[in-house]
Amino acid sequence: MGSTTASPVLDIDVRQIPPSQRHSTIFGSFDDLLPGQALQILNDHDPQPLRRQLDSRSPGQFQWAYLEQGPSQWRVLLSKLEKPEPSGSCCGSCGG
């Protein structure tokens, strides 16, 4: 990885993973990322259920971008963001 300007990206082809292990594999890989790193996920269907689970378990900690949207494969770039400010410390974004 000689470049320091590009964020490392880990590719996961979930079509090669048993369905019962797909989300846990992705969550584990996501948890191992540092802020600024990303996963590129390749799937045979739109991974919206995964996105809803990520919204629930890691709110505000990721960015989701479709790179390809079917009909036979979907490719998503899942980037890890900085963790939100701890409770009690206002970041100013809500105006409150």
Protein backbone atom coordinates (compact mmCIF):
# COMPACT_ATOMS: atom_id res chain seq x y z
CA MET A 1 0.00 0.00 0.00
CA GLY A 2 2.60 2.60 -0.88
CA SER A 3 0.20 5.55 -1.15
CA THR A 4 -0.62 7.66 1.88
CA THR A 5 -3.17 9.81 0.07
CA ALA A 6 -5.80 7.12 -0.52
CA SER A 7 -7.76 5.53 2.31
CA PRO A 8 -7.41 1.75 2.46
CA VAL A 9 -10.42 -0.13 1.11
CA LEU A 10 -11.21 -3.73 1.98
CA ASP A 11 -13.22 -5.65 -0.65
CA ILE A 12 -15.81 -8.17 0.53
CA ASP A 13 -17.65 -10.32 -2.02
CA VAL A 14 -20.54 -11.49 0.15
CA ARG A 15 -21.72 -13.83 -2.60
CA GLN A 16 -18.88 -16.11 -1.47
CA ILE A 17 -20.00 -16.10 2.20
CA PRO A 18 -22.79 -18.35 3.54
CA PRO A 19 -25.97 -16.23 3.98
CA SER A 20 -26.12 -16.86 7.74
CA GLN A 21 -22.63 -15.35 8.16
CA ARG A 22 -22.80 -12.37 5.81
CA HIS A 23 -23.92 -9.58 8.13
CA SER A 24 -21.75 -10.69 11.05
CA THR A 25 -18.73 -10.84 8.71
CA ILE A 26 -19.43 -7.33 7.43
CA PHE A 27 -20.03 -5.96 10.96
CA GLY A 28 -16.75 -7.47 12.17
CA SER A 29 -14.85 -6.00 9.23
CA PHE A 30 -16.52 -2.62 9.72
CA ASP A 31 -15.69 -2.61 13.43
CA ASP A 32 -12.01 -3.26 12.59
CA LEU A 33 -11.81 -0.20 10.30
CA LEU A 34 -10.23 3.03 11.39
CA PRO A 35 -12.06 6.29 10.62
CA GLY A 36 -11.42 7.16 6.98
CA GLN A 37 -11.12 3.52 5.89
CA ALA A 38 -13.83 1.76 3.91
CA LEU A 39 -15.31 -1.55 2.85
CA GLN A 40 -16.41 -2.19 -0.70
CA ILE A 41 -19.22 -4.74 -0.58
CA LEU A 42 -20.26 -6.78 -3.62
CA ASN A 43 -23.66 -8.48 -3.41
CA ASP A 44 -26.25 -10.14 -5.66
CA HIS A 45 -29.12 -8.01 -4.28
CA ASP A 46 -29.68 -4.55 -2.84
CA PRO A 47 -28.24 -4.70 0.71
CA GLN A 48 -30.84 -2.37 2.27
CA PRO A 49 -31.43 -4.70 5.27
CA LEU A 50 -27.71 -4.41 6.06
CA ARG A 51 -27.95 -0.62 5.85
CA ARG A 52 -30.89 -0.56 8.28
CA GLN A 53 -28.96 -2.76 10.73
CA LEU A 54 -25.91 -0.48 10.48
CA ASP A 55 -28.14 2.56 11.09
CA SER A 56 -29.37 0.86 14.24
CA ARG A 57 -26.04 -0.40 15.61
CA SER A 58 -23.67 2.37 14.43
CA PRO A 59 -25.69 5.56 13.92
CA GLY A 60 -23.70 8.43 12.46
CA GLN A 61 -20.56 6.30 12.13
CA PHE A 62 -20.68 5.43 8.45
CA GLN A 63 -21.31 6.73 4.97
CA TRP A 64 -23.09 4.54 2.42
CA ALA A 65 -22.53 5.08 -1.31
CA TYR A 66 -23.79 2.93 -4.15
CA LEU A 67 -21.11 2.32 -6.78
CA GLU A 68 -23.31 -0.08 -8.78
CA GLN A 69 -27.05 -0.77 -8.46
CA GLY A 70 -28.11 -4.00 -10.17
CA PRO A 71 -29.70 -5.66 -11.83
CA SER A 72 -27.34 -8.61 -11.28
CA GLN A 73 -24.95 -7.12 -8.72
CA TRP A 74 -24.76 -4.28 -6.25
CA ARG A 75 -21.54 -2.64 -5.12
CA VAL A 76 -21.56 -0.40 -2.04
CA LEU A 77 -18.76 1.67 -0.53
CA LEU A 78 -19.18 1.66 3.25
CA SER A 79 -16.89 4.28 4.80
CA LYS A 80 -16.21 4.57 8.51
CA LEU A 81 -16.57 8.06 9.95
CA GLU A 82 -15.29 9.56 13.17
CA LYS A 83 -17.43 8.55 16.15
CA PRO A 84 -20.01 11.15 17.16
CA GLU A 85 -19.18 13.35 20.12
CA PRO A 86 -19.91 11.70 23.50
CA SER A 87 -23.20 12.51 25.18
CA GLY A 88 -23.12 15.84 26.97
CA SER A 89 -20.67 17.37 24.51
CA CYS A 90 -22.44 19.44 21.89
CA CYS A 91 -21.02 19.38 18.40
CA GLY A 92 -23.16 22.35 17.34
CA SER A 93 -24.76 20.68 14.33
CA CYS A 94 -28.28 20.55 15.79
CA GLY A 95 -28.32 24.22 16.81
CA GLY A 96 -29.02 23.34 20.44
